[in-house]
Amino acid sequence: MKKMLIIILSLIGMITFNSCEKITDTVWVYYDETYCTDSWGKSSLTEKEKKNNIESYLDNLGVKVFKVKISEEGTPDSCFSCGCKSGNIIKCKIKEKDIDILINEGFYQ
């Protein structure tokens, strides 16, 4: 009986550790937000809505997003048309293997 319990606990442990997703090979990518040409919506959305939209959009591309941050570190363009930069920088922590997908979407490292 004791042997059987040890075997069961060992199997459960092996299954648990094998199913854990490794996040050690992650990188941050950046995107200069525009006023209204971004694929996930306009810059006027609330930060929470924007983060949710970004995560959903990238998930649809097959990219796992671990963290999204939005900062006002950028320099806004002197225009206010749709393609002009708002001054917000979107930062996403992703798996390193997904960089090329996001580079094609206008992100940079």
PDB file of N, CA and C in Angstrom:
ATOM      1  N   MET A   1       0.822  -1.193   0.000  1.00  0.00           N
ATOM      2  CA  MET A   1       0.000   0.000   0.000  1.00  0.00           C
ATOM      3  C   MET A   1       0.868   1.260   0.000  1.00  0.00           C
ATOM      4  N   LYS A   2       1.909   1.266   0.797  1.00  0.00           N
ATOM      5  CA  LYS A   2       2.805   2.405   0.878  1.00  0.00           C
ATOM      6  C   LYS A   2       3.514   2.629  -0.463  1.00  0.00           C
ATOM      7  N   LYS A   3       3.899   1.517  -1.111  1.00  0.00           N
ATOM      8  CA  LYS A   3       4.569   1.588  -2.404  1.00  0.00           C
ATOM      9  C   LYS A   3       3.647   2.189  -3.460  1.00  0.00           C
ATOM     10  N   MET A   4       2.393   1.767  -3.419  1.00  0.00           N
ATOM     11  CA  MET A   4       1.410   2.261  -4.389  1.00  0.00           C
ATOM     12  C   MET A   4       1.203   3.767  -4.220  1.00  0.00           C
ATOM     13  N   LEU A   5       1.140   4.258  -2.996  1.00  0.00           N
ATOM     14  CA  LEU A   5       0.973   5.687  -2.722  1.00  0.00           C
ATOM     15  C   LEU A   5       2.166   6.477  -3.248  1.00  0.00           C
ATOM     16  N   ILE A   6       3.353   5.972  -3.065  1.00  0.00           N
ATOM     17  CA  ILE A   6       4.564   6.637  -3.557  1.00  0.00           C
ATOM     18  C   ILE A   6       4.553   6.702  -5.081  1.00  0.00           C
ATOM     19  N   ILE A   7       4.147   5.624  -5.718  1.00  0.00           N
ATOM     20  CA  ILE A   7       4.088   5.599  -7.186  1.00  0.00           C
ATOM     21  C   ILE A   7       3.068   6.612  -7.695  1.00  0.00           C
ATOM     22  N   ILE A   8       1.892   6.672  -7.081  1.00  0.00           N
ATOM     23  CA  ILE A   8       0.846   7.608  -7.496  1.00  0.00           C
ATOM     24  C   ILE A   8       1.312   9.048  -7.308  1.00  0.00           C
ATOM     25  N   LEU A   9       1.895   9.348  -6.164  1.00  0.00           N
ATOM     26  CA  LEU A   9       2.382  10.704  -5.909  1.00  0.00           C
ATOM     27  C   LEU A   9       3.501  11.084  -6.877  1.00  0.00           C
ATOM     28  N   SER A  10       4.349  10.142  -7.205  1.00  0.00           N
ATOM     29  CA  SER A  10       5.424  10.391  -8.171  1.00  0.00           C
ATOM     30  C   SER A  10       4.852  10.708  -9.543  1.00  0.00           C
ATOM     31  N   LEU A  11       3.853   9.952  -9.961  1.00  0.00           N
ATOM     32  CA  LEU A  11       3.224  10.203 -11.255  1.00  0.00           C
ATOM     33  C   LEU A  11       2.538  11.568 -11.304  1.00  0.00           C
ATOM     34  N   ILE A  12       1.853  11.904 -10.238  1.00  0.00           N
ATOM     35  CA  ILE A  12       1.192  13.209 -10.170  1.00  0.00           C
ATOM     36  C   ILE A  12       2.233  14.326 -10.254  1.00  0.00           C
ATOM     37  N   GLY A  13       3.341  14.163  -9.548  1.00  0.00           N
ATOM     38  CA  GLY A  13       4.409  15.158  -9.589  1.00  0.00           C
ATOM     39  C   GLY A  13       5.005  15.305 -10.969  1.00  0.00           C
ATOM     40  N   MET A  14       5.233  14.184 -11.658  1.00  0.00           N
ATOM     41  CA  MET A  14       5.806  14.227 -12.998  1.00  0.00           C
ATOM     42  C   MET A  14       4.851  14.916 -13.976  1.00  0.00           C
ATOM     43  N   ILE A  15       3.578  14.615 -13.882  1.00  0.00           N
ATOM     44  CA  ILE A  15       2.588  15.226 -14.764  1.00  0.00           C
ATOM     45  C   ILE A  15       2.514  16.727 -14.505  1.00  0.00           C
ATOM     46  N   THR A  16       2.525  17.115 -13.253  1.00  0.00           N
ATOM     47  CA  THR A  16       2.448  18.529 -12.890  1.00  0.00           C
ATOM     48  C   THR A  16       3.642  19.297 -13.438  1.00  0.00           C
ATOM     49  N   PHE A  17       4.850  18.796 -13.233  1.00  0.00           N
ATOM     50  CA  PHE A  17       6.042  19.509 -13.685  1.00  0.00           C
ATOM     51  C   PHE A  17       6.163  19.527 -15.198  1.00  0.00           C
ATOM     52  N   ASN A  18       5.702  18.506 -15.879  1.00  0.00           N
ATOM     53  CA  ASN A  18       5.757  18.483 -17.337  1.00  0.00           C
ATOM     54  C   ASN A  18       4.760  19.432 -17.962  1.00  0.00           C
ATOM     55  N   SER A  19       3.661  19.725 -17.283  1.00  0.00           N
ATOM     56  CA  SER A  19       2.643  20.589 -17.857  1.00  0.00           C
ATOM     57  C   SER A  19       2.906  22.063 -17.579  1.00  0.00           C
ATOM     58  N   CYS A  20       3.869  22.376 -16.726  1.00  0.00           N
ATOM     59  CA  CYS A  20       4.190  23.774 -16.440  1.00  0.00           C
ATOM     60  C   CYS A  20       4.817  24.420 -17.666  1.00  0.00           C
ATOM     61  N   GLU A  21       4.339  25.612 -18.006  1.00  0.00           N
ATOM     62  CA  GLU A  21       4.866  26.317 -19.162  1.00  0.00           C
ATOM     63  C   GLU A  21       6.093  27.114 -18.752  1.00  0.00           C
ATOM     64  N   LYS A  22       7.178  26.929 -19.470  1.00  0.00           N
ATOM     65  CA  LYS A  22       8.399  27.660 -19.167  1.00  0.00           C
ATOM     66  C   LYS A  22       8.262  29.083 -19.703  1.00  0.00           C
ATOM     67  N   ILE A  23       8.614  30.050 -18.871  1.00  0.00           N
ATOM     68  CA  ILE A  23       8.574  31.435 -19.311  1.00  0.00           C
ATOM     69  C   ILE A  23       9.965  32.059 -19.245  1.00  0.00           C
ATOM     70  N   THR A  24      10.972  31.232 -19.214  1.00  0.00           N
ATOM     71  CA  THR A  24      12.323  31.756 -19.106  1.00  0.00           C
ATOM     72  C   THR A  24      12.813  32.381 -20.404  1.00  0.00           C
ATOM     73  N   ASP A  25      12.306  31.943 -21.539  1.00  0.00           N
ATOM     74  CA  ASP A  25      12.738  32.477 -22.822  1.00  0.00           C
ATOM     75  C   ASP A  25      11.768  33.554 -23.295  1.00  0.00           C
ATOM     76  N   THR A  26      11.615  34.598 -22.478  1.00  0.00           N
ATOM     77  CA  THR A  26      10.700  35.680 -22.814  1.00  0.00           C
ATOM     78  C   THR A  26      11.486  36.952 -23.121  1.00  0.00           C
ATOM     79  N   VAL A  27      10.857  37.817 -23.888  1.00  0.00           N
ATOM     80  CA  VAL A  27      11.444  39.110 -24.228  1.00  0.00           C
ATOM     81  C   VAL A  27      10.345  40.170 -24.197  1.00  0.00           C
ATOM     82  N   TRP A  28      10.759  41.404 -24.089  1.00  0.00           N
ATOM     83  CA  TRP A  28       9.831  42.523 -24.177  1.00  0.00           C
ATOM     84  C   TRP A  28       9.879  43.078 -25.601  1.00  0.00           C
ATOM     85  N   VAL A  29       8.722  43.364 -26.164  1.00  0.00           N
ATOM     86  CA  VAL A  29       8.619  44.041 -27.452  1.00  0.00           C
ATOM     87  C   VAL A  29       7.796  45.308 -27.245  1.00  0.00           C
ATOM     88  N   TYR A  30       7.971  46.262 -28.154  1.00  0.00           N
ATOM     89  CA  TYR A  30       7.386  47.581 -27.986  1.00  0.00           C
ATOM     90  C   TYR A  30       6.625  47.995 -29.242  1.00  0.00           C
ATOM     91  N   TYR A  31       5.639  48.851 -29.040  1.00  0.00           N
ATOM     92  CA  TYR A  31       4.826  49.342 -30.150  1.00  0.00           C
ATOM     93  C   TYR A  31       4.477  50.799 -29.870  1.00  0.00           C
ATOM     94  N   ASP A  32       4.692  51.664 -30.855  1.00  0.00           N
ATOM     95  CA  ASP A  32       4.331  53.070 -30.721  1.00  0.00           C
ATOM     96  C   ASP A  32       2.865  53.232 -31.101  1.00  0.00           C
ATOM     97  N   GLU A  33       2.053  53.500 -30.102  1.00  0.00           N
ATOM     98  CA  GLU A  33       0.612  53.619 -30.321  1.00  0.00           C
ATOM     99  C   GLU A  33       0.291  54.807 -31.227  1.00  0.00           C
ATOM    100  N   THR A  34      -0.691  54.636 -32.087  1.00  0.00           N
ATOM    101  CA  THR A  34      -1.191  55.731 -32.910  1.00  0.00           C
ATOM    102  C   THR A  34      -2.552  56.154 -32.366  1.00  0.00           C
ATOM    103  N   TYR A  35      -3.103  57.214 -32.944  1.00  0.00           N
ATOM    104  CA  TYR A  35      -4.392  57.682 -32.450  1.00  0.00           C
ATOM    105  C   TYR A  35      -5.541  56.758 -32.824  1.00  0.00           C
ATOM    106  N   CYS A  36      -5.464  56.083 -33.988  1.00  0.00           N
ATOM    107  CA  CYS A  36      -6.596  55.214 -34.315  1.00  0.00           C
ATOM    108  C   CYS A  36      -6.325  54.168 -35.403  1.00  0.00           C
ATOM    109  N   THR A  37      -5.080  53.866 -35.729  1.00  0.00           N
ATOM    110  CA  THR A  37      -4.831  52.840 -36.750  1.00  0.00           C
ATOM    111  C   THR A  37      -4.332  51.524 -36.171  1.00  0.00           C
ATOM    112  N   ASP A  38      -4.339  51.392 -34.859  1.00  0.00           N
ATOM    113  CA  ASP A  38      -3.875  50.157 -34.226  1.00  0.00           C
ATOM    114  C   ASP A  38      -4.943  49.076 -34.359  1.00  0.00           C
ATOM    115  N   SER A  39      -4.514  47.867 -34.578  1.00  0.00           N
ATOM    116  CA  SER A  39      -5.429  46.748 -34.853  1.00  0.00           C
ATOM    117  C   SER A  39      -6.370  46.428 -33.698  1.00  0.00           C
ATOM    118  N   TRP A  40      -6.057  46.837 -32.495  1.00  0.00           N
ATOM    119  CA  TRP A  40      -6.869  46.488 -31.321  1.00  0.00           C
ATOM    120  C   TRP A  40      -7.779  47.618 -30.886  1.00  0.00           C
ATOM    121  N   GLY A  41      -7.784  48.748 -31.576  1.00  0.00           N
ATOM    122  CA  GLY A  41      -8.708  49.832 -31.233  1.00  0.00           C
ATOM    123  C   GLY A  41      -8.025  51.171 -31.086  1.00  0.00           C
ATOM    124  N   LYS A  42      -8.829  52.193 -30.876  1.00  0.00           N
ATOM    125  CA  LYS A  42      -8.352  53.570 -30.781  1.00  0.00           C
ATOM    126  C   LYS A  42      -7.621  53.832 -29.474  1.00  0.00           C
ATOM    127  N   SER A  43      -6.814  54.875 -29.472  1.00  0.00           N
ATOM    128  CA  SER A  43      -6.057  55.241 -28.277  1.00  0.00           C
ATOM    129  C   SER A  43      -6.961  55.782 -27.172  1.00  0.00           C
ATOM    130  N   SER A  44      -8.199  56.131 -27.503  1.00  0.00           N
ATOM    131  CA  SER A  44      -9.112  56.702 -26.507  1.00  0.00           C
ATOM    132  C   SER A  44      -9.740  55.658 -25.576  1.00  0.00           C
ATOM    133  N   LEU A  45      -9.467  54.377 -25.804  1.00  0.00           N
ATOM    134  CA  LEU A  45      -9.981  53.336 -24.911  1.00  0.00           C
ATOM    135  C   LEU A  45      -9.359  53.487 -23.527  1.00  0.00           C
ATOM    136  N   THR A  46     -10.029  52.958 -22.509  1.00  0.00           N
ATOM    137  CA  THR A  46      -9.402  52.950 -21.185  1.00  0.00           C
ATOM    138  C   THR A  46      -8.210  52.001 -21.224  1.00  0.00           C
ATOM    139  N   GLU A  47      -7.312  52.153 -20.281  1.00  0.00           N
ATOM    140  CA  GLU A  47      -6.123  51.305 -20.260  1.00  0.00           C
ATOM    141  C   GLU A  47      -6.499  49.830 -20.123  1.00  0.00           C
ATOM    142  N   LYS A  48      -7.482  49.538 -19.297  1.00  0.00           N
ATOM    143  CA  LYS A  48      -7.925  48.152 -19.115  1.00  0.00           C
ATOM    144  C   LYS A  48      -8.493  47.576 -20.410  1.00  0.00           C
ATOM    145  N   GLU A  49      -9.346  48.351 -21.094  1.00  0.00           N
ATOM    146  CA  GLU A  49      -9.915  47.901 -22.370  1.00  0.00           C
ATOM    147  C   GLU A  49      -8.810  47.663 -23.400  1.00  0.00           C
ATOM    148  N   LYS A  50      -7.870  48.594 -23.430  1.00  0.00           N
ATOM    149  CA  LYS A  50      -6.777  48.504 -24.389  1.00  0.00           C
ATOM    150  C   LYS A  50      -5.943  47.248 -24.145  1.00  0.00           C
ATOM    151  N   LYS A  51      -5.587  46.989 -22.875  1.00  0.00           N
ATOM    152  CA  LYS A  51      -4.802  45.793 -22.536  1.00  0.00           C
ATOM    153  C   LYS A  51      -5.560  44.526 -22.921  1.00  0.00           C
ATOM    154  N   ASN A  52      -6.845  44.474 -22.610  1.00  0.00           N
ATOM    155  CA  ASN A  52      -7.657  43.306 -22.966  1.00  0.00           C
ATOM    156  C   ASN A  52      -7.705  43.111 -24.478  1.00  0.00           C
ATOM    157  N   ASN A  53      -7.887  44.212 -25.212  1.00  0.00           N
ATOM    158  CA  ASN A  53      -7.937  44.131 -26.673  1.00  0.00           C
ATOM    159  C   ASN A  53      -6.603  43.668 -27.254  1.00  0.00           C
ATOM    160  N   ILE A  54      -5.514  44.174 -26.713  1.00  0.00           N
ATOM    161  CA  ILE A  54      -4.182  43.781 -27.187  1.00  0.00           C
ATOM    162  C   ILE A  54      -3.963  42.294 -26.948  1.00  0.00           C
ATOM    163  N   GLU A  55      -4.264  41.841 -25.730  1.00  0.00           N
ATOM    164  CA  GLU A  55      -4.093  40.424 -25.403  1.00  0.00           C
ATOM    165  C   GLU A  55      -4.953  39.543 -26.312  1.00  0.00           C
ATOM    166  N   SER A  56      -6.191  39.941 -26.549  1.00  0.00           N
ATOM    167  CA  SER A  56      -7.079  39.162 -27.432  1.00  0.00           C
ATOM    168  C   SER A  56      -6.558  39.144 -28.860  1.00  0.00           C
ATOM    169  N   TYR A  57      -6.125  40.305 -29.343  1.00  0.00           N
ATOM    170  CA  TYR A  57      -5.621  40.401 -30.706  1.00  0.00           C
ATOM    171  C   TYR A  57      -4.387  39.506 -30.892  1.00  0.00           C
ATOM    172  N   LEU A  58      -3.448  39.593 -29.958  1.00  0.00           N
ATOM    173  CA  LEU A  58      -2.219  38.803 -30.074  1.00  0.00           C
ATOM    174  C   LEU A  58      -2.499  37.310 -29.876  1.00  0.00           C
ATOM    175  N   ASP A  59      -3.455  36.997 -29.019  1.00  0.00           N
ATOM    176  CA  ASP A  59      -3.855  35.602 -28.835  1.00  0.00           C
ATOM    177  C   ASP A  59      -4.398  35.029 -30.147  1.00  0.00           C
ATOM    178  N   ASN A  60      -5.172  35.832 -30.874  1.00  0.00           N
ATOM    179  CA  ASN A  60      -5.693  35.393 -32.177  1.00  0.00           C
ATOM    180  C   ASN A  60      -4.580  35.169 -33.198  1.00  0.00           C
ATOM    181  N   LEU A  61      -3.445  35.838 -32.993  1.00  0.00           N
ATOM    182  CA  LEU A  61      -2.284  35.629 -33.865  1.00  0.00           C
ATOM    183  C   LEU A  61      -1.463  34.406 -33.422  1.00  0.00           C
ATOM    184  N   GLY A  62      -1.842  33.829 -32.278  1.00  0.00           N
ATOM    185  CA  GLY A  62      -1.112  32.673 -31.752  1.00  0.00           C
ATOM    186  C   GLY A  62       0.038  33.053 -30.852  1.00  0.00           C
ATOM    187  N   VAL A  63       0.041  34.286 -30.342  1.00  0.00           N
ATOM    188  CA  VAL A  63       1.114  34.778 -29.484  1.00  0.00           C
ATOM    189  C   VAL A  63       0.637  34.782 -28.036  1.00  0.00           C
ATOM    190  N   LYS A  64       1.366  34.096 -27.168  1.00  0.00           N
ATOM    191  CA  LYS A  64       1.073  34.093 -25.733  1.00  0.00           C
ATOM    192  C   LYS A  64       1.683  35.346 -25.114  1.00  0.00           C
ATOM    193  N   VAL A  65       0.848  36.161 -24.487  1.00  0.00           N
ATOM    194  CA  VAL A  65       1.300  37.401 -23.851  1.00  0.00           C
ATOM    195  C   VAL A  65       1.317  37.181 -22.341  1.00  0.00           C
ATOM    196  N   PHE A  66       2.471  37.421 -21.730  1.00  0.00           N
ATOM    197  CA  PHE A  66       2.601  37.245 -20.291  1.00  0.00           C
ATOM    198  C   PHE A  66       2.297  38.527 -19.525  1.00  0.00           C
ATOM    199  N   LYS A  67       2.553  39.668 -20.153  1.00  0.00           N
ATOM    200  CA  LYS A  67       2.319  40.944 -19.475  1.00  0.00           C
ATOM    201  C   LYS A  67       2.193  42.041 -20.524  1.00  0.00           C
ATOM    202  N   VAL A  68       1.296  42.990 -20.271  1.00  0.00           N
ATOM    203  CA  VAL A  68       1.141  44.171 -21.127  1.00  0.00           C
ATOM    204  C   VAL A  68       1.262  45.405 -20.239  1.00  0.00           C
ATOM    205  N   LYS A  69       2.100  46.338 -20.661  1.00  0.00           N
ATOM    206  CA  LYS A  69       2.237  47.618 -19.966  1.00  0.00           C
ATOM    207  C   LYS A  69       2.046  48.726 -20.989  1.00  0.00           C
ATOM    208  N   ILE A  70       1.470  49.819 -20.542  1.00  0.00           N
ATOM    209  CA  ILE A  70       1.313  50.983 -21.409  1.00  0.00           C
ATOM    210  C   ILE A  70       1.942  52.168 -20.696  1.00  0.00           C
ATOM    211  N   SER A  71       2.897  52.806 -21.369  1.00  0.00           N
ATOM    212  CA  SER A  71       3.573  53.938 -20.745  1.00  0.00           C
ATOM    213  C   SER A  71       3.467  55.172 -21.631  1.00  0.00           C
ATOM    214  N   GLU A  72       3.708  56.313 -21.041  1.00  0.00           N
ATOM    215  CA  GLU A  72       3.655  57.578 -21.768  1.00  0.00           C
ATOM    216  C   GLU A  72       5.067  58.093 -22.020  1.00  0.00           C
ATOM    217  N   GLU A  73       5.993  57.187 -22.269  1.00  0.00           N
ATOM    218  CA  GLU A  73       7.403  57.543 -22.439  1.00  0.00           C
ATOM    219  C   GLU A  73       7.733  58.047 -23.834  1.00  0.00           C
ATOM    220  N   GLY A  74       6.837  57.810 -24.780  1.00  0.00           N
ATOM    221  CA  GLY A  74       7.117  58.172 -26.171  1.00  0.00           C
ATOM    222  C   GLY A  74       6.911  59.654 -26.441  1.00  0.00           C
ATOM    223  N   THR A  75       7.307  60.051 -27.618  1.00  0.00           N
ATOM    224  CA  THR A  75       7.120  61.429 -28.056  1.00  0.00           C
ATOM    225  C   THR A  75       5.969  61.467 -29.050  1.00  0.00           C
ATOM    226  N   PRO A  76       4.893  62.192 -28.718  1.00  0.00           N
ATOM    227  CA  PRO A  76       3.771  62.244 -29.660  1.00  0.00           C
ATOM    228  C   PRO A  76       4.138  63.049 -30.897  1.00  0.00           C
ATOM    229  N   ASP A  77       3.538  62.655 -32.014  1.00  0.00           N
ATOM    230  CA  ASP A  77       3.722  63.432 -33.241  1.00  0.00           C
ATOM    231  C   ASP A  77       2.997  64.765 -33.082  1.00  0.00           C
ATOM    232  N   SER A  78       3.364  65.720 -33.906  1.00  0.00           N
ATOM    233  CA  SER A  78       2.738  67.043 -33.815  1.00  0.00           C
ATOM    234  C   SER A  78       1.409  67.098 -34.558  1.00  0.00           C
ATOM    235  N   CYS A  79       0.945  65.946 -35.059  1.00  0.00           N
ATOM    236  CA  CYS A  79      -0.347  65.888 -35.747  1.00  0.00           C
ATOM    237  C   CYS A  79      -1.308  65.012 -34.945  1.00  0.00           C
ATOM    238  N   PHE A  80      -2.561  65.045 -35.294  1.00  0.00           N
ATOM    239  CA  PHE A  80      -3.560  64.264 -34.569  1.00  0.00           C
ATOM    240  C   PHE A  80      -4.374  63.359 -35.490  1.00  0.00           C
ATOM    241  N   SER A  81      -3.863  63.084 -36.680  1.00  0.00           N
ATOM    242  CA  SER A  81      -4.593  62.183 -37.573  1.00  0.00           C
ATOM    243  C   SER A  81      -4.374  60.743 -37.127  1.00  0.00           C
ATOM    244  N   CYS A  82      -5.118  59.835 -37.702  1.00  0.00           N
ATOM    245  CA  CYS A  82      -5.125  58.434 -37.257  1.00  0.00           C
ATOM    246  C   CYS A  82      -3.741  57.795 -37.192  1.00  0.00           C
ATOM    247  N   GLY A  83      -2.895  58.029 -38.168  1.00  0.00           N
ATOM    248  CA  GLY A  83      -1.591  57.369 -38.218  1.00  0.00           C
ATOM    249  C   GLY A  83      -0.520  58.021 -37.370  1.00  0.00           C
ATOM    250  N   CYS A  84      -0.822  59.142 -36.738  1.00  0.00           N
ATOM    251  CA  CYS A  84       0.174  59.846 -35.922  1.00  0.00           C
ATOM    252  C   CYS A  84       0.343  59.156 -34.570  1.00  0.00           C
ATOM    253  N   LYS A  85       1.549  59.208 -34.047  1.00  0.00           N
ATOM    254  CA  LYS A  85       1.850  58.575 -32.759  1.00  0.00           C
ATOM    255  C   LYS A  85       1.267  59.386 -31.612  1.00  0.00           C
ATOM    256  N   SER A  86       0.660  58.664 -30.658  1.00  0.00           N
ATOM    257  CA  SER A  86       0.003  59.304 -29.517  1.00  0.00           C
ATOM    258  C   SER A  86       0.970  59.638 -28.394  1.00  0.00           C
ATOM    259  N   GLY A  87       2.149  59.033 -28.406  1.00  0.00           N
ATOM    260  CA  GLY A  87       3.105  59.226 -27.312  1.00  0.00           C
ATOM    261  C   GLY A  87       3.111  58.059 -26.336  1.00  0.00           C
ATOM    262  N   ASN A  88       2.121  57.172 -26.449  1.00  0.00           N
ATOM    263  CA  ASN A  88       2.089  55.972 -25.608  1.00  0.00           C
ATOM    264  C   ASN A  88       2.914  54.864 -26.247  1.00  0.00           C
ATOM    265  N   ILE A  89       3.613  54.125 -25.418  1.00  0.00           N
ATOM    266  CA  ILE A  89       4.352  52.954 -25.885  1.00  0.00           C
ATOM    267  C   ILE A  89       3.732  51.733 -25.224  1.00  0.00           C
ATOM    268  N   ILE A  90       3.365  50.772 -26.052  1.00  0.00           N
ATOM    269  CA  ILE A  90       2.799  49.521 -25.563  1.00  0.00           C
ATOM    270  C   ILE A  90       3.932  48.517 -25.453  1.00  0.00           C
ATOM    271  N   LYS A  91       4.056  47.914 -24.274  1.00  0.00           N
ATOM    272  CA  LYS A  91       5.120  46.948 -24.016  1.00  0.00           C
ATOM    273  C   LYS A  91       4.478  45.596 -23.734  1.00  0.00           C
ATOM    274  N   CYS A  92       4.945  44.561 -24.432  1.00  0.00           N
ATOM    275  CA  CYS A  92       4.403  43.221 -24.240  1.00  0.00           C
ATOM    276  C   CYS A  92       5.523  42.237 -23.961  1.00  0.00           C
ATOM    277  N   LYS A  93       5.334  41.438 -22.935  1.00  0.00           N
ATOM    278  CA  LYS A  93       6.281  40.362 -22.626  1.00  0.00           C
ATOM    279  C   LYS A  93       5.754  39.096 -23.288  1.00  0.00           C
ATOM    280  N   ILE A  94       6.561  38.534 -24.191  1.00  0.00           N
ATOM    281  CA  ILE A  94       6.136  37.386 -24.987  1.00  0.00           C
ATOM    282  C   ILE A  94       7.237  36.332 -25.012  1.00  0.00           C
ATOM    283  N   LYS A  95       6.923  35.185 -25.575  1.00  0.00           N
ATOM    284  CA  LYS A  95       7.945  34.172 -25.804  1.00  0.00           C
ATOM    285  C   LYS A  95       8.857  34.657 -26.922  1.00  0.00           C
ATOM    286  N   GLU A  96      10.131  34.399 -26.754  1.00  0.00           N
ATOM    287  CA  GLU A  96      11.126  34.846 -27.730  1.00  0.00           C
ATOM    288  C   GLU A  96      10.838  34.316 -29.138  1.00  0.00           C
ATOM    289  N   LYS A  97      10.286  33.129 -29.214  1.00  0.00           N
ATOM    290  CA  LYS A  97      10.014  32.511 -30.514  1.00  0.00           C
ATOM    291  C   LYS A  97       8.929  33.240 -31.306  1.00  0.00           C
ATOM    292  N   ASP A  98       8.160  34.130 -30.648  1.00  0.00           N
ATOM    293  CA  ASP A  98       7.066  34.836 -31.310  1.00  0.00           C
ATOM    294  C   ASP A  98       7.447  36.232 -31.815  1.00  0.00           C
ATOM    295  N   ILE A  99       8.717  36.597 -31.689  1.00  0.00           N
ATOM    296  CA  ILE A  99       9.147  37.945 -32.076  1.00  0.00           C
ATOM    297  C   ILE A  99       8.800  38.253 -33.527  1.00  0.00           C
ATOM    298  N   ASP A 100       9.090  37.333 -34.433  1.00  0.00           N
ATOM    299  CA  ASP A 100       8.871  37.603 -35.861  1.00  0.00           C
ATOM    300  C   ASP A 100       7.413  37.923 -36.170  1.00  0.00           C
ATOM    301  N   ILE A 101       6.507  37.256 -35.481  1.00  0.00           N
ATOM    302  CA  ILE A 101       5.079  37.525 -35.696  1.00  0.00           C
ATOM    303  C   ILE A 101       4.771  38.980 -35.357  1.00  0.00           C
ATOM    304  N   LEU A 102       5.310  39.442 -34.216  1.00  0.00           N
ATOM    305  CA  LEU A 102       4.999  40.808 -33.790  1.00  0.00           C
ATOM    306  C   LEU A 102       5.781  41.857 -34.571  1.00  0.00           C
ATOM    307  N   ILE A 103       6.958  41.517 -35.054  1.00  0.00           N
ATOM    308  CA  ILE A 103       7.687  42.449 -35.923  1.00  0.00           C
ATOM    309  C   ILE A 103       6.834  42.743 -37.159  1.00  0.00           C
ATOM    310  N   ASN A 104       6.180  41.723 -37.680  1.00  0.00           N
ATOM    311  CA  ASN A 104       5.288  41.914 -38.841  1.00  0.00           C
ATOM    312  C   ASN A 104       4.061  42.758 -38.500  1.00  0.00           C
ATOM    313  N   GLU A 105       3.755  42.892 -37.218  1.00  0.00           N
ATOM    314  CA  GLU A 105       2.613  43.685 -36.772  1.00  0.00           C
ATOM    315  C   GLU A 105       3.026  45.107 -36.363  1.00  0.00           C
ATOM    316  N   GLY A 106       4.293  45.461 -36.555  1.00  0.00           N
ATOM    317  CA  GLY A 106       4.744  46.803 -36.245  1.00  0.00           C
ATOM    318  C   GLY A 106       5.438  46.969 -34.904  1.00  0.00           C
ATOM    319  N   PHE A 107       5.635  45.888 -34.173  1.00  0.00           N
ATOM    320  CA  PHE A 107       6.364  45.951 -32.910  1.00  0.00           C
ATOM    321  C   PHE A 107       7.870  45.966 -33.197  1.00  0.00           C
ATOM    322  N   TYR A 108       8.640  46.350 -32.202  1.00  0.00           N
ATOM    323  CA  TYR A 108      10.105  46.339 -32.306  1.00  0.00           C
ATOM    324  C   TYR A 108      10.696  45.929 -30.964  1.00  0.00           C
ATOM    325  N   GLN A 109      11.989  45.593 -30.995  1.00  0.00           N
ATOM    326  CA  GLN A 109      12.656  45.153 -29.758  1.00  0.00           C
ATOM    327  C   GLN A 109      13.454  46.240 -29.130  1.00  0.00           C
TER     328      GLN A 109
END
